[in-house]
Amino acid sequence: MKIFPDNSLHQENHLKLLPLLESNPQMSQGDLSKALAVSLGTTNYCIKVLLDIGLIKLQNFHKNNNKMTYVYLLSPLGIGQKARMTLKFLKIKMQEYEQLRVEIADLKREAKLNSITKQDYKRIGKLILEVR
């Protein structure tokens, strides 16, 4: 089931947002944007998408005197989607890790091949002395 647009940045934001909302349903959008290190507009967009597709529900926080205060609750669909997104995200990150691991190993080999050893310095020193 494909729910989100093909924008991996937004998918990553959605993945980070769901557990935040699950553990802190009363967080304001301003606090959420700070926690995610994204703009308030991005946070608002992500929440709207999650509401529109039914992964979260918005409820008025009745015990608060400020009637503009809301809580965000994960729907049953949201709980399941969070688990699927976590697995998908983990798979992507493991692939990225493996690619980086291979690239780092290649760079280490290349650096070792291109490095000058103590023996090289001795040979260079001898050549310089022979030229003089």
C-alpha atoms as a PDB file:
ATOM      1  CA  MET A   1       0.000   0.000   0.000  1.00  0.00           C
ATOM      2  CA  LYS A   2       1.620   3.231  -1.157  1.00  0.00           C
ATOM      3  CA  ILE A   3       0.378   6.145   0.905  1.00  0.00           C
ATOM      4  CA  PHE A   4       2.942   8.916   0.615  1.00  0.00           C
ATOM      5  CA  PRO A   5       4.291  10.747  -2.421  1.00  0.00           C
ATOM      6  CA  ASP A   6       7.720   9.653  -3.636  1.00  0.00           C
ATOM      7  CA  ASN A   7       9.507  12.281  -1.552  1.00  0.00           C
ATOM      8  CA  SER A   8      11.855  10.435   0.788  1.00  0.00           C
ATOM      9  CA  LEU A   9      12.447  13.566   2.882  1.00  0.00           C
ATOM     10  CA  HIS A  10       8.745  13.831   3.669  1.00  0.00           C
ATOM     11  CA  GLN A  11       8.557  10.083   4.302  1.00  0.00           C
ATOM     12  CA  GLU A  12      11.419  10.415   6.772  1.00  0.00           C
ATOM     13  CA  ASN A  13       9.637  13.336   8.452  1.00  0.00           C
ATOM     14  CA  HIS A  14       6.429  11.301   8.653  1.00  0.00           C
ATOM     15  CA  LEU A  15       8.342   8.392  10.161  1.00  0.00           C
ATOM     16  CA  LYS A  16       9.882  10.669  12.795  1.00  0.00           C
ATOM     17  CA  LEU A  17       6.592  12.423  13.451  1.00  0.00           C
ATOM     18  CA  LEU A  18       4.507   9.318  14.174  1.00  0.00           C
ATOM     19  CA  PRO A  19       6.483   8.155  17.256  1.00  0.00           C
ATOM     20  CA  LEU A  20       6.681  11.743  18.522  1.00  0.00           C
ATOM     21  CA  LEU A  21       2.909  12.067  18.312  1.00  0.00           C
ATOM     22  CA  GLU A  22       2.437   8.635  19.825  1.00  0.00           C
ATOM     23  CA  SER A  23       4.548   9.460  22.883  1.00  0.00           C
ATOM     24  CA  ASN A  24       3.562  13.172  23.118  1.00  0.00           C
ATOM     25  CA  PRO A  25       0.090  13.572  21.610  1.00  0.00           C
ATOM     26  CA  GLN A  26      -0.307  17.054  23.089  1.00  0.00           C
ATOM     27  CA  MET A  27       2.837  18.541  21.466  1.00  0.00           C
ATOM     28  CA  SER A  28       2.221  21.761  19.578  1.00  0.00           C
ATOM     29  CA  GLN A  29       3.240  22.033  15.947  1.00  0.00           C
ATOM     30  CA  GLY A  30       5.936  24.489  17.020  1.00  0.00           C
ATOM     31  CA  ASP A  31       7.406  21.963  19.454  1.00  0.00           C
ATOM     32  CA  LEU A  32       7.128  19.223  16.841  1.00  0.00           C
ATOM     33  CA  SER A  33       8.954  21.327  14.254  1.00  0.00           C
ATOM     34  CA  LYS A  34      11.772  21.982  16.746  1.00  0.00           C
ATOM     35  CA  ALA A  35      12.005  18.288  17.635  1.00  0.00           C
ATOM     36  CA  LEU A  36      12.139  17.348  13.942  1.00  0.00           C
ATOM     37  CA  ALA A  37      14.472  20.250  13.072  1.00  0.00           C
ATOM     38  CA  VAL A  38      12.196  21.297  10.213  1.00  0.00           C
ATOM     39  CA  SER A  39      10.148  24.405   9.506  1.00  0.00           C
ATOM     40  CA  LEU A  40       6.714  24.925  10.986  1.00  0.00           C
ATOM     41  CA  GLY A  41       5.301  24.806   7.440  1.00  0.00           C
ATOM     42  CA  THR A  42       6.859  21.382   6.836  1.00  0.00           C
ATOM     43  CA  THR A  43       5.456  20.137  10.145  1.00  0.00           C
ATOM     44  CA  ASN A  44       2.016  21.493   9.273  1.00  0.00           C
ATOM     45  CA  TYR A  45       2.189  19.811   5.844  1.00  0.00           C
ATOM     46  CA  CYS A  46       3.206  16.461   7.363  1.00  0.00           C
ATOM     47  CA  ILE A  47       0.431  16.595   9.963  1.00  0.00           C
ATOM     48  CA  LYS A  48      -2.112  17.479   7.278  1.00  0.00           C
ATOM     49  CA  VAL A  49      -1.001  14.516   5.155  1.00  0.00           C
ATOM     50  CA  LEU A  50      -1.160  12.171   8.158  1.00  0.00           C
ATOM     51  CA  LEU A  51      -4.658  13.474   9.008  1.00  0.00           C
ATOM     52  CA  ASP A  52      -5.862  13.261   5.388  1.00  0.00           C
ATOM     53  CA  ILE A  53      -4.809   9.635   4.976  1.00  0.00           C
ATOM     54  CA  GLY A  54      -6.156   8.646   8.381  1.00  0.00           C
ATOM     55  CA  LEU A  55      -2.929   7.773  10.202  1.00  0.00           C
ATOM     56  CA  ILE A  56      -3.643  10.252  12.989  1.00  0.00           C
ATOM     57  CA  LYS A  57      -6.754  11.788  14.476  1.00  0.00           C
ATOM     58  CA  LEU A  58      -7.105  15.291  15.862  1.00  0.00           C
ATOM     59  CA  GLN A  59      -9.038  15.763  19.076  1.00  0.00           C
ATOM     60  CA  ASN A  60      -9.737  18.829  21.162  1.00  0.00           C
ATOM     61  CA  PHE A  61      -8.034  18.624  24.545  1.00  0.00           C
ATOM     62  CA  HIS A  62     -11.142  19.058  26.745  1.00  0.00           C
ATOM     63  CA  LYS A  63      -9.388  19.480  30.092  1.00  0.00           C
ATOM     64  CA  ASN A  64      -7.490  22.537  28.887  1.00  0.00           C
ATOM     65  CA  ASN A  65      -8.889  26.054  29.276  1.00  0.00           C
ATOM     66  CA  ASN A  66      -7.355  26.920  25.909  1.00  0.00           C
ATOM     67  CA  LYS A  67      -9.910  25.363  23.543  1.00  0.00           C
ATOM     68  CA  MET A  68      -7.434  25.707  20.648  1.00  0.00           C
ATOM     69  CA  THR A  69      -5.272  22.985  22.161  1.00  0.00           C
ATOM     70  CA  TYR A  70      -5.446  19.658  20.363  1.00  0.00           C
ATOM     71  CA  VAL A  71      -3.996  16.209  20.789  1.00  0.00           C
ATOM     72  CA  TYR A  72      -2.856  14.030  17.912  1.00  0.00           C
ATOM     73  CA  LEU A  73      -3.695  10.356  18.301  1.00  0.00           C
ATOM     74  CA  LEU A  74      -2.429   7.555  16.102  1.00  0.00           C
ATOM     75  CA  SER A  75      -5.263   5.651  14.487  1.00  0.00           C
ATOM     76  CA  PRO A  76      -5.122   1.858  14.234  1.00  0.00           C
ATOM     77  CA  LEU A  77      -4.105   2.394  10.600  1.00  0.00           C
ATOM     78  CA  GLY A  78      -1.389   4.801  11.801  1.00  0.00           C
ATOM     79  CA  ILE A  79       0.026   2.277  14.242  1.00  0.00           C
ATOM     80  CA  GLY A  80       0.298  -0.368  11.524  1.00  0.00           C
ATOM     81  CA  GLN A  81       1.702   2.084   8.989  1.00  0.00           C
ATOM     82  CA  LYS A  82       4.299   3.280  11.504  1.00  0.00           C
ATOM     83  CA  ALA A  83       5.552  -0.303  11.850  1.00  0.00           C
ATOM     84  CA  ARG A  84       5.689  -0.774   8.054  1.00  0.00           C
ATOM     85  CA  MET A  85       7.435   2.569   7.552  1.00  0.00           C
ATOM     86  CA  THR A  86       9.971   1.708  10.240  1.00  0.00           C
ATOM     87  CA  LEU A  87      10.845  -1.565   8.510  1.00  0.00           C
ATOM     88  CA  LYS A  88      11.078   0.128   5.103  1.00  0.00           C
ATOM     89  CA  PHE A  89      13.218   2.928   6.513  1.00  0.00           C
ATOM     90  CA  LEU A  90      15.486   0.410   8.257  1.00  0.00           C
ATOM     91  CA  LYS A  91      15.930  -1.509   4.995  1.00  0.00           C
ATOM     92  CA  ILE A  92      16.867   1.687   3.136  1.00  0.00           C
ATOM     93  CA  LYS A  93      19.324   2.737   5.854  1.00  0.00           C
ATOM     94  CA  MET A  94      20.918  -0.738   5.888  1.00  0.00           C
ATOM     95  CA  GLN A  95      21.420  -0.527   2.106  1.00  0.00           C
ATOM     96  CA  GLU A  96      22.941   2.943   2.481  1.00  0.00           C
ATOM     97  CA  TYR A  97      25.177   1.648   5.270  1.00  0.00           C
ATOM     98  CA  GLU A  98      26.377  -1.258   3.123  1.00  0.00           C
ATOM     99  CA  GLN A  99      27.125   1.088   0.214  1.00  0.00           C
ATOM    100  CA  LEU A 100      29.069   3.403   2.530  1.00  0.00           C
ATOM    101  CA  ARG A 101      30.945   0.478   4.071  1.00  0.00           C
ATOM    102  CA  VAL A 102      32.074  -0.680   0.623  1.00  0.00           C
ATOM    103  CA  GLU A 103      33.002   2.869  -0.403  1.00  0.00           C
ATOM    104  CA  ILE A 104      35.011   3.393   2.798  1.00  0.00           C
ATOM    105  CA  ALA A 105      36.854   0.102   2.281  1.00  0.00           C
ATOM    106  CA  ASP A 106      37.672   1.133  -1.312  1.00  0.00           C
ATOM    107  CA  LEU A 107      38.917   4.530  -0.149  1.00  0.00           C
ATOM    108  CA  LYS A 108      41.084   2.920   2.536  1.00  0.00           C
ATOM    109  CA  ARG A 109      42.622   0.577  -0.061  1.00  0.00           C
ATOM    110  CA  GLU A 110      43.237   3.483  -2.412  1.00  0.00           C
ATOM    111  CA  ALA A 111      44.770   5.582   0.366  1.00  0.00           C
ATOM    112  CA  LYS A 112      47.016   2.686   1.357  1.00  0.00           C
ATOM    113  CA  LEU A 113      48.157   2.242  -2.248  1.00  0.00           C
ATOM    114  CA  ASN A 114      48.837   5.951  -2.594  1.00  0.00           C
ATOM    115  CA  SER A 115      50.503   6.454   0.769  1.00  0.00           C
ATOM    116  CA  ILE A 116      54.227   6.937   1.167  1.00  0.00           C
ATOM    117  CA  THR A 117      55.866   4.492   3.544  1.00  0.00           C
ATOM    118  CA  LYS A 118      59.023   4.935   5.631  1.00  0.00           C
ATOM    119  CA  GLN A 119      60.865   2.795   3.089  1.00  0.00           C
ATOM    120  CA  ASP A 120      59.748   5.191   0.323  1.00  0.00           C
ATOM    121  CA  TYR A 121      61.159   8.127   2.292  1.00  0.00           C
ATOM    122  CA  LYS A 122      64.463   6.265   2.726  1.00  0.00           C
ATOM    123  CA  ARG A 123      64.645   5.531  -1.013  1.00  0.00           C
ATOM    124  CA  ILE A 124      63.871   9.155  -1.844  1.00  0.00           C
ATOM    125  CA  GLY A 125      66.546  10.280   0.605  1.00  0.00           C
ATOM    126  CA  LYS A 126      69.121   7.954  -0.989  1.00  0.00           C
ATOM    127  CA  LEU A 127      68.215   9.188  -4.473  1.00  0.00           C
ATOM    128  CA  ILE A 128      68.610  12.792  -3.374  1.00  0.00           C
ATOM    129  CA  LEU A 129      72.024  12.018  -1.887  1.00  0.00           C
ATOM    130  CA  GLU A 130      73.097  10.207  -5.062  1.00  0.00           C
ATOM    131  CA  VAL A 131      72.063  13.178  -7.222  1.00  0.00           C
ATOM    132  CA  ARG A 132      74.150  15.627  -5.170  1.00  0.00           C
END
